[in-house]
């Protein structure tokens, strides 16, 4: 980076930090929205472990357009049935 006055260097650092912060804040906001949808008034008794697991599923799962149900359906149809 070219030499800049000390005050300008601090401002440039602040600008770079602001640009790196935005995506992480957006991801955090999406997570809180998902958490509110998962744990609503009707599900207030949900344990922390269950909420954590459902949040992980929500974050790691594919969209409906990407999901291919064929392997899951085949596994379900081929499962052994208990007597």
N, C-alpha and C. Protein backbone atom coordinates (compact mmCIF):
# COMPACT_ATOMS: atom_id res chain seq x y z
N UNK A 1 0.85 -1.18 0.00
CA UNK A 1 0.00 0.00 0.00
C UNK A 1 0.89 1.24 0.00
N UNK A 2 0.51 2.26 -0.74
CA UNK A 2 1.31 3.48 -0.82
C UNK A 2 1.31 4.16 0.54
N UNK A 3 2.33 4.97 0.75
CA UNK A 3 2.42 5.68 2.03
C UNK A 3 1.28 6.67 2.14
N UNK A 4 0.62 6.67 3.29
CA UNK A 4 -0.50 7.59 3.53
C UNK A 4 -0.31 8.23 4.88
N UNK A 5 -0.90 9.39 5.08
CA UNK A 5 -0.84 9.99 6.42
C UNK A 5 -1.44 9.03 7.44
N UNK A 6 -0.98 9.14 8.67
CA UNK A 6 -1.39 8.19 9.71
C UNK A 6 -2.91 8.13 9.89
N UNK A 7 -3.58 9.26 9.86
CA UNK A 7 -5.04 9.28 10.02
C UNK A 7 -5.74 8.57 8.89
N UNK A 8 -5.25 8.73 7.66
CA UNK A 8 -5.86 8.07 6.51
C UNK A 8 -5.66 6.56 6.57
N UNK A 9 -4.50 6.13 7.07
CA UNK A 9 -4.24 4.70 7.21
C UNK A 9 -5.23 4.07 8.19
N UNK A 10 -5.54 4.79 9.26
CA UNK A 10 -6.52 4.29 10.23
C UNK A 10 -7.91 4.19 9.61
N UNK A 11 -8.26 5.18 8.80
CA UNK A 11 -9.56 5.16 8.13
C UNK A 11 -9.64 4.01 7.14
N UNK A 12 -8.56 3.78 6.40
CA UNK A 12 -8.54 2.67 5.45
C UNK A 12 -8.68 1.33 6.17
N UNK A 13 -8.02 1.20 7.32
CA UNK A 13 -8.16 -0.03 8.12
C UNK A 13 -9.60 -0.21 8.56
N UNK A 14 -10.24 0.87 8.99
CA UNK A 14 -11.64 0.80 9.40
C UNK A 14 -12.55 0.40 8.23
N UNK A 15 -12.28 0.93 7.05
CA UNK A 15 -13.06 0.57 5.86
C UNK A 15 -12.90 -0.92 5.55
N UNK A 16 -11.67 -1.43 5.60
CA UNK A 16 -11.45 -2.85 5.33
C UNK A 16 -12.14 -3.73 6.36
N UNK A 17 -12.08 -3.33 7.62
CA UNK A 17 -12.76 -4.11 8.67
C UNK A 17 -14.28 -4.11 8.46
N UNK A 18 -14.82 -2.99 8.03
CA UNK A 18 -16.25 -2.90 7.79
C UNK A 18 -16.68 -3.84 6.67
N UNK A 19 -15.88 -3.92 5.60
CA UNK A 19 -16.22 -4.81 4.50
C UNK A 19 -16.12 -6.28 4.91
N UNK A 20 -15.21 -6.62 5.79
CA UNK A 20 -15.10 -8.02 6.22
C UNK A 20 -16.17 -8.37 7.23
N UNK A 21 -16.73 -7.40 7.92
CA UNK A 21 -17.73 -7.65 8.94
C UNK A 21 -19.11 -7.94 8.34
N UNK A 22 -19.46 -7.30 7.27
CA UNK A 22 -20.82 -7.39 6.72
C UNK A 22 -21.30 -8.82 6.46
N UNK A 23 -20.54 -9.66 5.75
CA UNK A 23 -21.05 -11.02 5.51
C UNK A 23 -21.27 -11.81 6.80
N UNK A 24 -20.40 -11.63 7.77
CA UNK A 24 -20.56 -12.39 9.01
C UNK A 24 -21.79 -11.91 9.78
N UNK A 25 -22.11 -10.64 9.70
CA UNK A 25 -23.31 -10.13 10.36
C UNK A 25 -24.55 -10.67 9.66
N UNK A 26 -24.52 -10.71 8.33
CA UNK A 26 -25.66 -11.24 7.58
C UNK A 26 -25.90 -12.71 7.92
N UNK A 27 -24.83 -13.48 8.02
CA UNK A 27 -24.95 -14.89 8.38
C UNK A 27 -25.53 -15.04 9.78
N UNK A 28 -25.09 -14.18 10.67
CA UNK A 28 -25.60 -14.21 12.05
C UNK A 28 -27.09 -13.88 12.07
N UNK A 29 -27.49 -12.87 11.32
CA UNK A 29 -28.91 -12.50 11.24
C UNK A 29 -29.75 -13.64 10.68
N UNK A 30 -29.24 -14.32 9.65
CA UNK A 30 -29.97 -15.47 9.09
C UNK A 30 -30.11 -16.58 10.13
N UNK A 31 -29.07 -16.78 10.92
CA UNK A 31 -29.12 -17.81 11.95
C UNK A 31 -30.16 -17.49 13.01
N UNK A 32 -30.23 -16.23 13.43
CA UNK A 32 -31.24 -15.85 14.42
C UNK A 32 -32.65 -15.98 13.85
N UNK A 33 -32.83 -15.64 12.58
CA UNK A 33 -34.14 -15.81 11.95
C UNK A 33 -34.53 -17.29 11.91
N UNK A 34 -33.57 -18.14 11.56
CA UNK A 34 -33.84 -19.58 11.53
C UNK A 34 -34.17 -20.09 12.92
N UNK A 35 -33.43 -19.63 13.92
CA UNK A 35 -33.67 -20.07 15.29
C UNK A 35 -35.08 -19.66 15.74
N UNK A 36 -35.49 -18.44 15.40
CA UNK A 36 -36.83 -17.99 15.77
C UNK A 36 -37.91 -18.80 15.06
N UNK A 37 -37.64 -19.23 13.84
CA UNK A 37 -38.61 -20.06 13.12
C UNK A 37 -38.67 -21.47 13.71
N UNK A 38 -37.52 -21.99 14.13
CA UNK A 38 -37.47 -23.34 14.69
C UNK A 38 -38.05 -23.39 16.09
N UNK A 39 -37.66 -22.43 16.92
CA UNK A 39 -38.14 -22.42 18.31
C UNK A 39 -39.13 -21.28 18.48
N UNK A 40 -40.37 -21.55 18.19
CA UNK A 40 -41.40 -20.53 18.32
C UNK A 40 -42.19 -20.75 19.61
N UNK A 41 -43.23 -20.00 19.79
CA UNK A 41 -44.04 -20.07 21.01
C UNK A 41 -44.56 -21.47 21.27
N UNK A 42 -44.94 -22.20 20.22
CA UNK A 42 -45.49 -23.55 20.41
C UNK A 42 -44.43 -24.56 20.79
N UNK A 43 -43.16 -24.21 20.65
CA UNK A 43 -42.09 -25.17 20.94
C UNK A 43 -41.17 -24.67 22.05
N UNK A 44 -41.70 -23.98 23.02
CA UNK A 44 -40.88 -23.39 24.07
C UNK A 44 -40.20 -24.43 24.96
N UNK A 45 -40.69 -25.65 25.00
CA UNK A 45 -40.10 -26.68 25.85
C UNK A 45 -38.93 -27.40 25.20
N UNK A 46 -38.58 -27.02 23.99
CA UNK A 46 -37.51 -27.68 23.26
C UNK A 46 -36.19 -27.54 24.03
N UNK A 47 -35.46 -28.64 24.14
CA UNK A 47 -34.18 -28.60 24.85
C UNK A 47 -33.14 -27.87 24.01
N UNK A 48 -32.10 -27.41 24.67
CA UNK A 48 -31.01 -26.74 23.97
C UNK A 48 -30.31 -27.65 22.98
N UNK A 49 -30.19 -28.93 23.34
CA UNK A 49 -29.54 -29.89 22.44
C UNK A 49 -30.36 -30.10 21.16
N UNK A 50 -31.68 -30.21 21.32
CA UNK A 50 -32.55 -30.37 20.15
C UNK A 50 -32.49 -29.14 19.26
N UNK A 51 -32.54 -27.96 19.88
CA UNK A 51 -32.46 -26.71 19.12
C UNK A 51 -31.13 -26.63 18.37
N UNK A 52 -30.06 -26.99 19.04
CA UNK A 52 -28.73 -26.96 18.41
C UNK A 52 -28.67 -27.90 17.22
N UNK A 53 -29.23 -29.10 17.37
CA UNK A 53 -29.23 -30.07 16.28
C UNK A 53 -30.06 -29.58 15.10
N UNK A 54 -31.23 -29.03 15.38
CA UNK A 54 -32.08 -28.52 14.31
C UNK A 54 -31.45 -27.31 13.61
N UNK A 55 -30.75 -26.47 14.37
CA UNK A 55 -30.04 -25.34 13.77
C UNK A 55 -28.93 -25.83 12.84
N UNK A 56 -28.23 -26.88 13.26
CA UNK A 56 -27.17 -27.45 12.43
C UNK A 56 -27.75 -28.04 11.15
N UNK A 57 -28.86 -28.75 11.26
CA UNK A 57 -29.52 -29.31 10.08
C UNK A 57 -29.94 -28.19 9.15
N UNK A 58 -30.50 -27.13 9.70
CA UNK A 58 -30.93 -25.99 8.89
C UNK A 58 -29.76 -25.35 8.16
N UNK A 59 -28.64 -25.20 8.84
CA UNK A 59 -27.47 -24.54 8.23
C UNK A 59 -26.78 -25.41 7.19
N UNK A 60 -26.78 -26.74 7.40
CA UNK A 60 -26.03 -27.63 6.53
C UNK A 60 -26.87 -28.28 5.43
N UNK A 61 -28.17 -28.12 5.49
CA UNK A 61 -29.02 -28.85 4.54
C UNK A 61 -29.05 -28.17 3.17
N UNK A 62 -29.41 -28.97 2.19
CA UNK A 62 -29.53 -28.48 0.82
C UNK A 62 -30.87 -27.78 0.63
N UNK A 63 -30.94 -26.98 -0.41
CA UNK A 63 -32.23 -26.41 -0.75
C UNK A 63 -33.09 -27.50 -1.38
N UNK A 64 -34.37 -27.26 -1.44
CA UNK A 64 -35.28 -28.25 -2.00
C UNK A 64 -34.96 -28.53 -3.47
N UNK A 65 -34.50 -27.52 -4.19
CA UNK A 65 -34.15 -27.71 -5.60
C UNK A 65 -32.94 -28.63 -5.75
N UNK A 66 -32.02 -28.60 -4.79
CA UNK A 66 -30.80 -29.41 -4.85
C UNK A 66 -30.99 -30.82 -4.33
N UNK A 67 -32.01 -31.04 -3.51
CA UNK A 67 -32.19 -32.32 -2.83
C UNK A 67 -32.71 -33.40 -3.76
N UNK A 68 -32.04 -34.53 -3.78
CA UNK A 68 -32.49 -35.70 -4.54
C UNK A 68 -32.97 -36.75 -3.54
N UNK A 69 -34.28 -36.98 -3.43
CA UNK A 69 -34.80 -37.89 -2.42
C UNK A 69 -34.62 -39.37 -2.75
N UNK A 70 -34.19 -39.71 -3.96
CA UNK A 70 -34.11 -41.11 -4.39
C UNK A 70 -33.30 -41.99 -3.44
N UNK A 71 -32.06 -41.64 -3.06
CA UNK A 71 -31.31 -42.52 -2.16
C UNK A 71 -31.99 -42.72 -0.80
N UNK A 72 -32.59 -41.68 -0.28
CA UNK A 72 -33.26 -41.77 1.02
C UNK A 72 -34.49 -42.67 0.91
N UNK A 73 -35.26 -42.49 -0.14
CA UNK A 73 -36.47 -43.31 -0.33
C UNK A 73 -36.09 -44.77 -0.51
N UNK A 74 -35.04 -45.04 -1.30
CA UNK A 74 -34.59 -46.43 -1.50
C UNK A 74 -34.16 -47.05 -0.17
N UNK A 75 -33.42 -46.30 0.62
CA UNK A 75 -32.97 -46.82 1.92
C UNK A 75 -34.18 -47.10 2.82
N UNK A 76 -35.16 -46.22 2.81
CA UNK A 76 -36.35 -46.39 3.62
C UNK A 76 -37.15 -47.62 3.16
N UNK A 77 -37.28 -47.79 1.86
CA UNK A 77 -38.03 -48.93 1.33
C UNK A 77 -37.31 -50.26 1.58
N UNK A 78 -35.99 -50.25 1.61
CA UNK A 78 -35.22 -51.48 1.79
C UNK A 78 -34.88 -51.79 3.25
N UNK A 79 -35.34 -50.98 4.16
CA UNK A 79 -35.00 -51.21 5.58
C UNK A 79 -35.64 -52.51 6.06
N UNK A 80 -35.02 -53.11 7.05
CA UNK A 80 -35.59 -54.34 7.61
C UNK A 80 -36.69 -53.95 8.59
N UNK A 81 -37.76 -54.68 8.55
CA UNK A 81 -38.88 -54.39 9.43
C UNK A 81 -38.79 -55.27 10.67
N UNK A 82 -39.05 -54.65 11.81
CA UNK A 82 -39.07 -55.41 13.06
C UNK A 82 -40.41 -56.13 13.19
N UNK A 83 -40.39 -57.38 13.72
CA UNK A 83 -41.66 -58.12 13.87
C UNK A 83 -42.58 -57.49 14.89
